[in-house]
Amino acid sequence: MDKEAILQEIENMPVKDLAELVEMIEERFNVSATMVAPTAVAVAGNGEEEAAAIETYNVVITSPGQKKIQVIKELKELTGKGLKDCKALVDNLPATVKEGVEPEEAASIKEKLEAAGAEVELR
């Protein structure tokens, strides 16, 4: 399998699977993705490469699924908003839960909301 084929497979992976893959690579090769990122930013000479190194996401709920109450409770914990605000968020989908979050936090939020039953996208 060539490098391009590997990259295409990674592009098609769900975020949760990608996060697990990163953890497996870190454990197997005794490296850390967080150690590499600051070096990449320091080495990058042009602003475009730096922007790519500090990419952020918006976490968007597209559907509450079958467990709407669980999703509302999870939103309350994640955002610190009241139940009424969280219910209004779930009633008006698609809705942005958090904006401009780093990839690790975005994946964590997505994972928690999906565990509660929601369908979530990272944009």
PDB file of N, CA and C in Angstrom:
ATOM      1  N   MET A   1       0.846  -1.167   0.000  1.00  0.00           N
ATOM      2  CA  MET A   1       0.000   0.000   0.000  1.00  0.00           C
ATOM      3  C   MET A   1       0.900   1.242   0.000  1.00  0.00           C
ATOM      4  N   ASP A   2       0.668   2.152  -0.955  1.00  0.00           N
ATOM      5  CA  ASP A   2       1.492   3.353  -1.018  1.00  0.00           C
ATOM      6  C   ASP A   2       0.955   4.434  -0.075  1.00  0.00           C
ATOM      7  N   LYS A   3       1.720   5.487   0.099  1.00  0.00           N
ATOM      8  CA  LYS A   3       1.367   6.544   1.044  1.00  0.00           C
ATOM      9  C   LYS A   3       0.054   7.232   0.675  1.00  0.00           C
ATOM     10  N   GLU A   4      -0.157   7.454  -0.609  1.00  0.00           N
ATOM     11  CA  GLU A   4      -1.389   8.114  -1.052  1.00  0.00           C
ATOM     12  C   GLU A   4      -2.617   7.280  -0.704  1.00  0.00           C
ATOM     13  N   ALA A   5      -2.538   5.976  -0.854  1.00  0.00           N
ATOM     14  CA  ALA A   5      -3.656   5.091  -0.514  1.00  0.00           C
ATOM     15  C   ALA A   5      -3.935   5.135   0.986  1.00  0.00           C
ATOM     16  N   ILE A   6      -2.875   5.207   1.779  1.00  0.00           N
ATOM     17  CA  ILE A   6      -3.038   5.304   3.234  1.00  0.00           C
ATOM     18  C   ILE A   6      -3.748   6.605   3.587  1.00  0.00           C
ATOM     19  N   LEU A   7      -3.318   7.705   2.972  1.00  0.00           N
ATOM     20  CA  LEU A   7      -3.951   8.995   3.238  1.00  0.00           C
ATOM     21  C   LEU A   7      -5.423   8.994   2.838  1.00  0.00           C
ATOM     22  N   GLN A   8      -5.751   8.362   1.733  1.00  0.00           N
ATOM     23  CA  GLN A   8      -7.150   8.295   1.313  1.00  0.00           C
ATOM     24  C   GLN A   8      -7.986   7.500   2.311  1.00  0.00           C
ATOM     25  N   GLU A   9      -7.434   6.427   2.845  1.00  0.00           N
ATOM     26  CA  GLU A   9      -8.142   5.642   3.856  1.00  0.00           C
ATOM     27  C   GLU A   9      -8.378   6.489   5.116  1.00  0.00           C
ATOM     28  N   ILE A  10      -7.352   7.243   5.528  1.00  0.00           N
ATOM     29  CA  ILE A  10      -7.469   8.085   6.719  1.00  0.00           C
ATOM     30  C   ILE A  10      -8.526   9.169   6.506  1.00  0.00           C
ATOM     31  N   GLU A  11      -8.575   9.764   5.310  1.00  0.00           N
ATOM     32  CA  GLU A  11      -9.566  10.800   5.020  1.00  0.00           C
ATOM     33  C   GLU A  11     -10.988  10.291   5.176  1.00  0.00           C
ATOM     34  N   ASN A  12     -11.209   9.019   4.938  1.00  0.00           N
ATOM     35  CA  ASN A  12     -12.554   8.451   4.987  1.00  0.00           C
ATOM     36  C   ASN A  12     -12.933   7.906   6.365  1.00  0.00           C
ATOM     37  N   MET A  13     -12.028   8.008   7.337  1.00  0.00           N
ATOM     38  CA  MET A  13     -12.294   7.464   8.671  1.00  0.00           C
ATOM     39  C   MET A  13     -13.137   8.426   9.497  1.00  0.00           C
ATOM     40  N   PRO A  14     -14.048   7.897  10.319  1.00  0.00           N
ATOM     41  CA  PRO A  14     -14.748   8.758  11.279  1.00  0.00           C
ATOM     42  C   PRO A  14     -13.752   9.300  12.299  1.00  0.00           C
ATOM     43  N   VAL A  15     -14.058  10.440  12.876  1.00  0.00           N
ATOM     44  CA  VAL A  15     -13.143  11.105  13.808  1.00  0.00           C
ATOM     45  C   VAL A  15     -12.792  10.196  14.982  1.00  0.00           C
ATOM     46  N   LYS A  16     -13.756   9.463  15.485  1.00  0.00           N
ATOM     47  CA  LYS A  16     -13.500   8.576  16.632  1.00  0.00           C
ATOM     48  C   LYS A  16     -12.447   7.525  16.266  1.00  0.00           C
ATOM     49  N   ASP A  17     -12.587   6.916  15.082  1.00  0.00           N
ATOM     50  CA  ASP A  17     -11.617   5.915  14.640  1.00  0.00           C
ATOM     51  C   ASP A  17     -10.248   6.550  14.420  1.00  0.00           C
ATOM     52  N   LEU A  18     -10.238   7.765  13.905  1.00  0.00           N
ATOM     53  CA  LEU A  18      -8.985   8.468  13.669  1.00  0.00           C
ATOM     54  C   LEU A  18      -8.269   8.762  14.989  1.00  0.00           C
ATOM     55  N   ALA A  19      -9.040   9.171  15.998  1.00  0.00           N
ATOM     56  CA  ALA A  19      -8.450   9.431  17.314  1.00  0.00           C
ATOM     57  C   ALA A  19      -7.850   8.151  17.895  1.00  0.00           C
ATOM     58  N   GLU A  20      -8.552   7.023  17.725  1.00  0.00           N
ATOM     59  CA  GLU A  20      -8.038   5.743  18.212  1.00  0.00           C
ATOM     60  C   GLU A  20      -6.766   5.354  17.462  1.00  0.00           C
ATOM     61  N   LEU A  21      -6.736   5.609  16.147  1.00  0.00           N
ATOM     62  CA  LEU A  21      -5.550   5.311  15.347  1.00  0.00           C
ATOM     63  C   LEU A  21      -4.352   6.119  15.833  1.00  0.00           C
ATOM     64  N   VAL A  22      -4.568   7.397  16.116  1.00  0.00           N
ATOM     65  CA  VAL A  22      -3.483   8.250  16.606  1.00  0.00           C
ATOM     66  C   VAL A  22      -2.939   7.697  17.922  1.00  0.00           C
ATOM     67  N   GLU A  23      -3.857   7.299  18.819  1.00  0.00           N
ATOM     68  CA  GLU A  23      -3.419   6.728  20.094  1.00  0.00           C
ATOM     69  C   GLU A  23      -2.600   5.455  19.872  1.00  0.00           C
ATOM     70  N   MET A  24      -3.035   4.606  18.951  1.00  0.00           N
ATOM     71  CA  MET A  24      -2.314   3.357  18.673  1.00  0.00           C
ATOM     72  C   MET A  24      -0.919   3.645  18.128  1.00  0.00           C
ATOM     73  N   ILE A  25      -0.817   4.623  17.231  1.00  0.00           N
ATOM     74  CA  ILE A  25       0.486   4.993  16.660  1.00  0.00           C
ATOM     75  C   ILE A  25       1.399   5.544  17.752  1.00  0.00           C
ATOM     76  N   GLU A  26       0.841   6.402  18.617  1.00  0.00           N
ATOM     77  CA  GLU A  26       1.640   6.964  19.698  1.00  0.00           C
ATOM     78  C   GLU A  26       2.189   5.867  20.607  1.00  0.00           C
ATOM     79  N   GLU A  27       1.342   4.887  20.943  1.00  0.00           N
ATOM     80  CA  GLU A  27       1.785   3.798  21.823  1.00  0.00           C
ATOM     81  C   GLU A  27       2.804   2.886  21.133  1.00  0.00           C
ATOM     82  N   ARG A  28       2.520   2.497  19.900  1.00  0.00           N
ATOM     83  CA  ARG A  28       3.389   1.553  19.213  1.00  0.00           C
ATOM     84  C   ARG A  28       4.775   2.131  18.947  1.00  0.00           C
ATOM     85  N   PHE A  29       4.837   3.407  18.545  1.00  0.00           N
ATOM     86  CA  PHE A  29       6.114   4.000  18.156  1.00  0.00           C
ATOM     87  C   PHE A  29       6.691   4.932  19.224  1.00  0.00           C
ATOM     88  N   ASN A  30       6.042   4.966  20.391  1.00  0.00           N
ATOM     89  CA  ASN A  30       6.496   5.776  21.507  1.00  0.00           C
ATOM     90  C   ASN A  30       6.752   7.226  21.094  1.00  0.00           C
ATOM     91  N   VAL A  31       5.735   7.823  20.435  1.00  0.00           N
ATOM     92  CA  VAL A  31       5.789   9.215  20.014  1.00  0.00           C
ATOM     93  C   VAL A  31       4.535   9.913  20.512  1.00  0.00           C
ATOM     94  N   SER A  32       4.516  11.231  20.378  1.00  0.00           N
ATOM     95  CA  SER A  32       3.342  11.999  20.759  1.00  0.00           C
ATOM     96  C   SER A  32       3.011  12.978  19.646  1.00  0.00           C
ATOM     97  N   ALA A  33       1.758  12.989  19.226  1.00  0.00           N
ATOM     98  CA  ALA A  33       1.321  13.925  18.193  1.00  0.00           C
ATOM     99  C   ALA A  33       1.427  15.357  18.695  1.00  0.00           C
ATOM    100  N   THR A  34       1.269  15.578  19.979  1.00  0.00           N
ATOM    101  CA  THR A  34       1.362  16.927  20.534  1.00  0.00           C
ATOM    102  C   THR A  34       2.792  17.429  20.544  1.00  0.00           C
ATOM    103  N   MET A  35       3.768  16.530  20.630  1.00  0.00           N
ATOM    104  CA  MET A  35       5.164  16.958  20.584  1.00  0.00           C
ATOM    105  C   MET A  35       5.539  17.427  19.190  1.00  0.00           C
ATOM    106  N   VAL A  36       4.964  16.839  18.164  1.00  0.00           N
ATOM    107  CA  VAL A  36       5.313  17.154  16.784  1.00  0.00           C
ATOM    108  C   VAL A  36       4.700  18.473  16.346  1.00  0.00           C
ATOM    109  N   ALA A  37       3.494  18.776  16.760  1.00  0.00           N
ATOM    110  CA  ALA A  37       2.775  19.951  16.289  1.00  0.00           C
ATOM    111  C   ALA A  37       3.513  21.270  16.525  1.00  0.00           C
ATOM    112  N   PRO A  38       4.041  21.559  17.727  1.00  0.00           N
ATOM    113  CA  PRO A  38       4.749  22.824  17.904  1.00  0.00           C
ATOM    114  C   PRO A  38       5.969  22.946  17.007  1.00  0.00           C
ATOM    115  N   THR A  39       6.667  21.844  16.763  1.00  0.00           N
ATOM    116  CA  THR A  39       7.819  21.853  15.873  1.00  0.00           C
ATOM    117  C   THR A  39       7.390  22.211  14.462  1.00  0.00           C
ATOM    118  N   ALA A  40       6.272  21.658  14.019  1.00  0.00           N
ATOM    119  CA  ALA A  40       5.783  21.939  12.669  1.00  0.00           C
ATOM    120  C   ALA A  40       5.455  23.421  12.525  1.00  0.00           C
ATOM    121  N   VAL A  41       4.881  24.013  13.540  1.00  0.00           N
ATOM    122  CA  VAL A  41       4.556  25.433  13.486  1.00  0.00           C
ATOM    123  C   VAL A  41       5.824  26.271  13.464  1.00  0.00           C
ATOM    124  N   ALA A  42       6.821  25.906  14.254  1.00  0.00           N
ATOM    125  CA  ALA A  42       8.063  26.661  14.307  1.00  0.00           C
ATOM    126  C   ALA A  42       8.823  26.564  12.986  1.00  0.00           C
ATOM    127  N   VAL A  43       8.798  25.401  12.340  1.00  0.00           N
ATOM    128  CA  VAL A  43       9.524  25.194  11.097  1.00  0.00           C
ATOM    129  C   VAL A  43       8.800  25.850   9.929  1.00  0.00           C
ATOM    130  N   ALA A  44       7.467  25.894   9.985  1.00  0.00           N
ATOM    131  CA  ALA A  44       6.685  26.443   8.876  1.00  0.00           C
ATOM    132  C   ALA A  44       7.046  27.909   8.681  1.00  0.00           C
ATOM    133  N   GLY A  45       7.376  28.245   7.465  1.00  0.00           N
ATOM    134  CA  GLY A  45       7.796  29.611   7.184  1.00  0.00           C
ATOM    135  C   GLY A  45       6.655  30.485   6.712  1.00  0.00           C
ATOM    136  N   ASN A  46       5.653  29.917   6.039  1.00  0.00           N
ATOM    137  CA  ASN A  46       4.617  30.795   5.518  1.00  0.00           C
ATOM    138  C   ASN A  46       3.355  30.676   6.355  1.00  0.00           C
ATOM    139  N   GLY A  47       2.571  31.743   6.405  1.00  0.00           N
ATOM    140  CA  GLY A  47       1.390  31.823   7.249  1.00  0.00           C
ATOM    141  C   GLY A  47       0.356  30.760   6.950  1.00  0.00           C
ATOM    142  N   GLU A  48       0.259  30.317   5.701  1.00  0.00           N
ATOM    143  CA  GLU A  48      -0.731  29.312   5.316  1.00  0.00           C
ATOM    144  C   GLU A  48      -0.461  27.989   6.028  1.00  0.00           C
ATOM    145  N   GLU A  49       0.808  27.594   6.078  1.00  0.00           N
ATOM    146  CA  GLU A  49       1.159  26.352   6.762  1.00  0.00           C
ATOM    147  C   GLU A  49       0.903  26.470   8.262  1.00  0.00           C
ATOM    148  N   GLU A  50       1.170  27.641   8.832  1.00  0.00           N
ATOM    149  CA  GLU A  50       0.926  27.843  10.258  1.00  0.00           C
ATOM    150  C   GLU A  50      -0.562  27.743  10.567  1.00  0.00           C
ATOM    151  N   ALA A  51      -1.396  28.314   9.720  1.00  0.00           N
ATOM    152  CA  ALA A  51      -2.847  28.245   9.928  1.00  0.00           C
ATOM    153  C   ALA A  51      -3.321  26.805   9.891  1.00  0.00           C
ATOM    154  N   ALA A  52      -2.748  26.004   9.017  1.00  0.00           N
ATOM    155  CA  ALA A  52      -3.139  24.600   8.932  1.00  0.00           C
ATOM    156  C   ALA A  52      -2.727  23.839  10.187  1.00  0.00           C
ATOM    157  N   ALA A  53      -1.621  24.249  10.794  1.00  0.00           N
ATOM    158  CA  ALA A  53      -1.134  23.550  11.982  1.00  0.00           C
ATOM    159  C   ALA A  53      -2.007  23.830  13.204  1.00  0.00           C
ATOM    160  N   ILE A  54      -2.721  24.959  13.226  1.00  0.00           N
ATOM    161  CA  ILE A  54      -3.568  25.283  14.359  1.00  0.00           C
ATOM    162  C   ILE A  54      -5.042  25.316  13.942  1.00  0.00           C
ATOM    163  N   GLU A  55      -5.446  24.299  13.224  1.00  0.00           N
ATOM    164  CA  GLU A  55      -6.808  24.180  12.725  1.00  0.00           C
ATOM    165  C   GLU A  55      -7.793  24.021  13.881  1.00  0.00           C
ATOM    166  N   THR A  56      -8.955  24.661  13.738  1.00  0.00           N
ATOM    167  CA  THR A  56     -10.006  24.538  14.745  1.00  0.00           C
ATOM    168  C   THR A  56     -11.295  24.071  14.071  1.00  0.00           C
ATOM    169  N   TYR A  57     -12.214  23.596  14.893  1.00  0.00           N
ATOM    170  CA  TYR A  57     -13.475  23.063  14.389  1.00  0.00           C
ATOM    171  C   TYR A  57     -14.659  23.677  15.105  1.00  0.00           C
ATOM    172  N   ASN A  58     -15.799  23.637  14.430  1.00  0.00           N
ATOM    173  CA  ASN A  58     -17.084  23.929  15.052  1.00  0.00           C
ATOM    174  C   ASN A  58     -17.771  22.586  15.235  1.00  0.00           C
ATOM    175  N   VAL A  59     -18.312  22.336  16.422  1.00  0.00           N
ATOM    176  CA  VAL A  59     -19.024  21.094  16.714  1.00  0.00           C
ATOM    177  C   VAL A  59     -20.506  21.372  16.500  1.00  0.00           C
ATOM    178  N   VAL A  60     -21.119  20.627  15.565  1.00  0.00           N
ATOM    179  CA  VAL A  60     -22.502  20.874  15.172  1.00  0.00           C
ATOM    180  C   VAL A  60     -23.336  19.613  15.354  1.00  0.00           C
ATOM    181  N   ILE A  61     -24.452  19.732  16.089  1.00  0.00           N
ATOM    182  CA  ILE A  61     -25.395  18.615  16.226  1.00  0.00           C
ATOM    183  C   ILE A  61     -26.342  18.669  15.036  1.00  0.00           C
ATOM    184  N   THR A  62     -26.485  17.543  14.343  1.00  0.00           N
ATOM    185  CA  THR A  62     -27.398  17.479  13.207  1.00  0.00           C
ATOM    186  C   THR A  62     -28.681  16.731  13.535  1.00  0.00           C
ATOM    187  N   SER A  63     -28.636  15.885  14.570  1.00  0.00           N
ATOM    188  CA  SER A  63     -29.821  15.143  14.994  1.00  0.00           C
ATOM    189  C   SER A  63     -29.647  14.692  16.441  1.00  0.00           C
ATOM    190  N   PRO A  64     -30.731  14.760  17.241  1.00  0.00           N
ATOM    191  CA  PRO A  64     -30.619  14.300  18.618  1.00  0.00           C
ATOM    192  C   PRO A  64     -30.744  12.786  18.740  1.00  0.00           C
ATOM    193  N   GLY A  65     -31.135  12.126  17.655  1.00  0.00           N
ATOM    194  CA  GLY A  65     -31.294  10.679  17.709  1.00  0.00           C
ATOM    195  C   GLY A  65     -32.503  10.298  18.543  1.00  0.00           C
ATOM    196  N   GLN A  66     -32.505   9.091  19.079  1.00  0.00           N
ATOM    197  CA  GLN A  66     -33.629   8.570  19.845  1.00  0.00           C
ATOM    198  C   GLN A  66     -33.605   8.990  21.314  1.00  0.00           C
ATOM    199  N   LYS A  67     -32.475   9.505  21.787  1.00  0.00           N
ATOM    200  CA  LYS A  67     -32.316   9.826  23.212  1.00  0.00           C
ATOM    201  C   LYS A  67     -32.157  11.337  23.401  1.00  0.00           C
ATOM    202  N   LYS A  68     -33.172  12.080  23.025  1.00  0.00           N
ATOM    203  CA  LYS A  68     -33.114  13.537  23.064  1.00  0.00           C
ATOM    204  C   LYS A  68     -32.800  14.069  24.469  1.00  0.00           C
ATOM    205  N   ILE A  69     -33.401  13.475  25.487  1.00  0.00           N
ATOM    206  CA  ILE A  69     -33.183  13.940  26.860  1.00  0.00           C
ATOM    207  C   ILE A  69     -31.726  13.733  27.273  1.00  0.00           C
ATOM    208  N   GLN A  70     -31.155  12.583  26.908  1.00  0.00           N
ATOM    209  CA  GLN A  70     -29.744  12.316  27.226  1.00  0.00           C
ATOM    210  C   GLN A  70     -28.840  13.330  26.534  1.00  0.00           C
ATOM    211  N   VAL A  71     -29.171  13.667  25.286  1.00  0.00           N
ATOM    212  CA  VAL A  71     -28.365  14.637  24.540  1.00  0.00           C
ATOM    213  C   VAL A  71     -28.446  16.004  25.218  1.00  0.00           C
ATOM    214  N   ILE A  72     -29.642  16.392  25.648  1.00  0.00           N
ATOM    215  CA  ILE A  72     -29.810  17.679  26.333  1.00  0.00           C
ATOM    216  C   ILE A  72     -28.990  17.705  27.626  1.00  0.00           C
ATOM    217  N   LYS A  73     -29.009  16.622  28.385  1.00  0.00           N
ATOM    218  CA  LYS A  73     -28.232  16.544  29.625  1.00  0.00           C
ATOM    219  C   LYS A  73     -26.728  16.645  29.336  1.00  0.00           C
ATOM    220  N   GLU A  74     -26.281  15.959  28.292  1.00  0.00           N
ATOM    221  CA  GLU A  74     -24.855  15.999  27.931  1.00  0.00           C
ATOM    222  C   GLU A  74     -24.458  17.405  27.487  1.00  0.00           C
ATOM    223  N   LEU A  75     -25.329  18.071  26.727  1.00  0.00           N
ATOM    224  CA  LEU A  75     -25.062  19.449  26.313  1.00  0.00           C
ATOM    225  C   LEU A  75     -24.926  20.366  27.525  1.00  0.00           C
ATOM    226  N   LYS A  76     -25.771  20.152  28.517  1.00  0.00           N
ATOM    227  CA  LYS A  76     -25.723  20.963  29.736  1.00  0.00           C
ATOM    228  C   LYS A  76     -24.366  20.817  30.412  1.00  0.00           C
ATOM    229  N   GLU A  77     -23.868  19.593  30.483  1.00  0.00           N
ATOM    230  CA  GLU A  77     -22.555  19.360  31.099  1.00  0.00           C
ATOM    231  C   GLU A  77     -21.433  19.973  30.271  1.00  0.00           C
ATOM    232  N   LEU A  78     -21.512  19.842  28.956  1.00  0.00           N
ATOM    233  CA  LEU A  78     -20.438  20.309  28.079  1.00  0.00           C
ATOM    234  C   LEU A  78     -20.383  21.833  27.973  1.00  0.00           C
ATOM    235  N   THR A  79     -21.558  22.473  27.955  1.00  0.00           N
ATOM    236  CA  THR A  79     -21.590  23.913  27.700  1.00  0.00           C
ATOM    237  C   THR A  79     -21.774  24.755  28.951  1.00  0.00           C
ATOM    238  N   GLY A  80     -22.322  24.151  30.017  1.00  0.00           N
ATOM    239  CA  GLY A  80     -22.594  24.914  31.225  1.00  0.00           C
ATOM    240  C   GLY A  80     -23.862  25.752  31.115  1.00  0.00           C
ATOM    241  N   LYS A  81     -24.616  25.583  30.017  1.00  0.00           N
ATOM    242  CA  LYS A  81     -25.875  26.315  29.846  1.00  0.00           C
ATOM    243  C   LYS A  81     -26.976  25.634  30.641  1.00  0.00           C
ATOM    244  N   GLY A  82     -28.099  26.328  30.796  1.00  0.00           N
ATOM    245  CA  GLY A  82     -29.246  25.772  31.488  1.00  0.00           C
ATOM    246  C   GLY A  82     -29.995  24.774  30.618  1.00  0.00           C
ATOM    247  N   LEU A  83     -30.862  23.995  31.265  1.00  0.00           N
ATOM    248  CA  LEU A  83     -31.647  22.997  30.534  1.00  0.00           C
ATOM    249  C   LEU A  83     -32.496  23.624  29.438  1.00  0.00           C
ATOM    250  N   LYS A  84     -33.097  24.776  29.716  1.00  0.00           N
ATOM    251  CA  LYS A  84     -33.948  25.446  28.733  1.00  0.00           C
ATOM    252  C   LYS A  84     -33.153  25.816  27.481  1.00  0.00           C
ATOM    253  N   ASP A  85     -31.955  26.369  27.684  1.00  0.00           N
ATOM    254  CA  ASP A  85     -31.104  26.743  26.545  1.00  0.00           C
ATOM    255  C   ASP A  85     -30.668  25.513  25.750  1.00  0.00           C
ATOM    256  N   CYS A  86     -30.341  24.440  26.455  1.00  0.00           N
ATOM    257  CA  CYS A  86     -29.900  23.215  25.786  1.00  0.00           C
ATOM    258  C   CYS A  86     -31.045  22.581  25.003  1.00  0.00           C
ATOM    259  N   LYS A  87     -32.247  22.624  25.571  1.00  0.00           N
ATOM    260  CA  LYS A  87     -33.419  22.084  24.877  1.00  0.00           C
ATOM    261  C   LYS A  87     -33.686  22.900  23.615  1.00  0.00           C
ATOM    262  N   ALA A  88     -33.591  24.229  23.719  1.00  0.00           N
ATOM    263  CA  ALA A  88     -33.801  25.100  22.558  1.00  0.00           C
ATOM    264  C   ALA A  88     -32.771  24.798  21.471  1.00  0.00           C
ATOM    265  N   LEU A  89     -31.546  24.518  21.878  1.00  0.00           N
ATOM    266  CA  LEU A  89     -30.487  24.176  20.930  1.00  0.00           C
ATOM    267  C   LEU A  89     -30.842  22.907  20.168  1.00  0.00           C
ATOM    268  N   VAL A  90     -31.292  21.879  20.893  1.00  0.00           N
ATOM    269  CA  VAL A  90     -31.634  20.594  20.282  1.00  0.00           C
ATOM    270  C   VAL A  90     -32.897  20.703  19.433  1.00  0.00           C
ATOM    271  N   ASP A  91     -33.804  21.610  19.797  1.00  0.00           N
ATOM    272  CA  ASP A  91     -35.047  21.776  19.035  1.00  0.00           C
ATOM    273  C   ASP A  91     -34.834  22.528  17.726  1.00  0.00           C
ATOM    274  N   ASN A  92     -33.711  23.205  17.573  1.00  0.00           N
ATOM    275  CA  ASN A  92     -33.449  24.009  16.368  1.00  0.00           C
ATOM    276  C   ASN A  92     -32.190  23.533  15.660  1.00  0.00           C
ATOM    277  N   LEU A  93     -32.245  22.319  15.113  1.00  0.00           N
ATOM    278  CA  LEU A  93     -31.082  21.716  14.461  1.00  0.00           C
ATOM    279  C   LEU A  93     -31.039  22.026  12.980  1.00  0.00           C
ATOM    280  N   PRO A  94     -29.865  22.049  12.384  1.00  0.00           N
ATOM    281  CA  PRO A  94     -28.553  21.837  12.989  1.00  0.00           C
ATOM    282  C   PRO A  94     -28.165  23.019  13.876  1.00  0.00           C
ATOM    283  N   ALA A  95     -27.431  22.731  14.936  1.00  0.00           N
ATOM    284  CA  ALA A  95     -27.039  23.759  15.885  1.00  0.00           C
ATOM    285  C   ALA A  95     -25.573  23.600  16.273  1.00  0.00           C
ATOM    286  N   THR A  96     -24.882  24.717  16.352  1.00  0.00           N
ATOM    287  CA  THR A  96     -23.478  24.708  16.753  1.00  0.00           C
ATOM    288  C   THR A  96     -23.376  24.655  18.273  1.00  0.00           C
ATOM    289  N   VAL A  97     -22.669  23.644  18.764  1.00  0.00           N
ATOM    290  CA  VAL A  97     -22.485  23.468  20.199  1.00  0.00           C
ATOM    291  C   VAL A  97     -21.336  24.338  20.685  1.00  0.00           C
ATOM    292  N   LYS A  98     -20.194  24.240  20.011  1.00  0.00           N
ATOM    293  CA  LYS A  98     -19.015  25.044  20.343  1.00  0.00           C
ATOM    294  C   LYS A  98     -18.320  25.425  19.049  1.00  0.00           C
ATOM    295  N   GLU A  99     -17.744  26.614  19.038  1.00  0.00           N
ATOM    296  CA  GLU A  99     -17.033  27.108  17.857  1.00  0.00           C
ATOM    297  C   GLU A  99     -15.548  27.265  18.158  1.00  0.00           C
ATOM    298  N   GLY A 100     -14.731  27.038  17.132  1.00  0.00           N
ATOM    299  CA  GLY A 100     -13.299  27.295  17.226  1.00  0.00           C
ATOM    300  C   GLY A 100     -12.554  26.447  18.238  1.00  0.00           C
ATOM    301  N   VAL A 101     -12.941  25.166  18.371  1.00  0.00           N
ATOM    302  CA  VAL A 101     -12.255  24.299  19.326  1.00  0.00           C
ATOM    303  C   VAL A 101     -11.157  23.508  18.625  1.00  0.00           C
ATOM    304  N   GLU A 102     -10.143  23.164  19.378  1.00  0.00           N
ATOM    305  CA  GLU A 102      -9.029  22.396  18.832  1.00  0.00           C
ATOM    306  C   GLU A 102      -9.484  20.975  18.514  1.00  0.00           C
ATOM    307  N   PRO A 103      -8.782  20.300  17.601  1.00  0.00           N
ATOM    308  CA  PRO A 103      -9.196  18.973  17.159  1.00  0.00           C
ATOM    309  C   PRO A 103      -9.429  17.956  18.273  1.00  0.00           C
ATOM    310  N   GLU A 104      -8.565  17.943  19.285  1.00  0.00           N
ATOM    311  CA  GLU A 104      -8.715  16.961  20.361  1.00  0.00           C
ATOM    312  C   GLU A 104      -9.998  17.205  21.149  1.00  0.00           C
ATOM    313  N   GLU A 105     -10.244  18.472  21.480  1.00  0.00           N
ATOM    314  CA  GLU A 105     -11.455  18.816  22.233  1.00  0.00           C
ATOM    315  C   GLU A 105     -12.697  18.557  21.389  1.00  0.00           C
ATOM    316  N   ALA A 106     -12.629  18.909  20.099  1.00  0.00           N
ATOM    317  CA  ALA A 106     -13.769  18.685  19.205  1.00  0.00           C
ATOM    318  C   ALA A 106     -14.104  17.198  19.120  1.00  0.00           C
ATOM    319  N   ALA A 107     -13.076  16.359  18.998  1.00  0.00           N
ATOM    320  CA  ALA A 107     -13.300  14.911  18.933  1.00  0.00           C
ATOM    321  C   ALA A 107     -13.898  14.394  20.234  1.00  0.00           C
ATOM    322  N   SER A 108     -13.442  14.932  21.353  1.00  0.00           N
ATOM    323  CA  SER A 108     -13.960  14.519  22.657  1.00  0.00           C
ATOM    324  C   SER A 108     -15.434  14.899  22.802  1.00  0.00           C
ATOM    325  N   ILE A 109     -15.779  16.121  22.424  1.00  0.00           N
ATOM    326  CA  ILE A 109     -17.169  16.576  22.502  1.00  0.00           C
ATOM    327  C   ILE A 109     -18.046  15.727  21.593  1.00  0.00           C
ATOM    328  N   LYS A 110     -17.552  15.493  20.382  1.00  0.00           N
ATOM    329  CA  LYS A 110     -18.319  14.681  19.428  1.00  0.00           C
ATOM    330  C   LYS A 110     -18.559  13.285  19.991  1.00  0.00           C
ATOM    331  N   GLU A 111     -17.533  12.693  20.546  1.00  0.00           N
ATOM    332  CA  GLU A 111     -17.643  11.343  21.100  1.00  0.00           C
ATOM    333  C   GLU A 111     -18.682  11.287  22.228  1.00  0.00           C
ATOM    334  N   LYS A 112     -18.664  12.283  23.118  1.00  0.00           N
ATOM    335  CA  LYS A 112     -19.607  12.312  24.238  1.00  0.00           C
ATOM    336  C   LYS A 112     -21.042  12.480  23.749  1.00  0.00           C
ATOM    337  N   LEU A 113     -21.238  13.367  22.776  1.00  0.00           N
ATOM    338  CA  LEU A 113     -22.592  13.581  22.262  1.00  0.00           C
ATOM    339  C   LEU A 113     -23.097  12.363  21.491  1.00  0.00           C
ATOM    340  N   GLU A 114     -22.209  11.715  20.745  1.00  0.00           N
ATOM    341  CA  GLU A 114     -22.609  10.503  20.023  1.00  0.00           C
ATOM    342  C   GLU A 114     -22.937   9.377  21.000  1.00  0.00           C
ATOM    343  N   ALA A 115     -22.210   9.304  22.104  1.00  0.00           N
ATOM    344  CA  ALA A 115     -22.509   8.292  23.113  1.00  0.00           C
ATOM    345  C   ALA A 115     -23.890   8.525  23.726  1.00  0.00           C
ATOM    346  N   ALA A 116     -24.306   9.794  23.775  1.00  0.00           N
ATOM    347  CA  ALA A 116     -25.636  10.128  24.291  1.00  0.00           C
ATOM    348  C   ALA A 116     -26.721   9.879  23.238  1.00  0.00           C
ATOM    349  N   GLY A 117     -26.315   9.637  21.983  1.00  0.00           N
ATOM    350  CA  GLY A 117     -27.282   9.312  20.939  1.00  0.00           C
ATOM    351  C   GLY A 117     -27.389  10.319  19.816  1.00  0.00           C
ATOM    352  N   ALA A 118     -26.671  11.416  19.879  1.00  0.00           N
ATOM    353  CA  ALA A 118     -26.763  12.480  18.864  1.00  0.00           C
ATOM    354  C   ALA A 118     -25.924  12.146  17.632  1.00  0.00           C
ATOM    355  N   GLU A 119     -26.311  12.779  16.516  1.00  0.00           N
ATOM    356  CA  GLU A 119     -25.477  12.763  15.316  1.00  0.00           C
ATOM    357  C   GLU A 119     -24.762  14.096  15.280  1.00  0.00           C
ATOM    358  N   VAL A 120     -23.426  14.053  15.141  1.00  0.00           N
ATOM    359  CA  VAL A 120     -22.611  15.260  15.268  1.00  0.00           C
ATOM    360  C   VAL A 120     -21.644  15.345  14.105  1.00  0.00           C
ATOM    361  N   GLU A 121     -21.398  16.595  13.643  1.00  0.00           N
ATOM    362  CA  GLU A 121     -20.415  16.842  12.593  1.00  0.00           C
ATOM    363  C   GLU A 121     -19.373  17.828  13.111  1.00  0.00           C
ATOM    364  N   LEU A 122     -18.168  17.700  12.614  1.00  0.00           N
ATOM    365  CA  LEU A 122     -17.121  18.675  12.882  1.00  0.00           C
ATOM    366  C   LEU A 122     -16.909  19.454  11.603  1.00  0.00           C
ATOM    367  N   ARG A 123     -17.054  20.759  11.682  1.00  0.00           N
ATOM    368  CA  ARG A 123     -16.911  21.599  10.481  1.00  0.00           C
ATOM    369  C   ARG A 123     -15.789  22.582  10.657  1.00  0.00           C
TER     370      ARG A 123
END
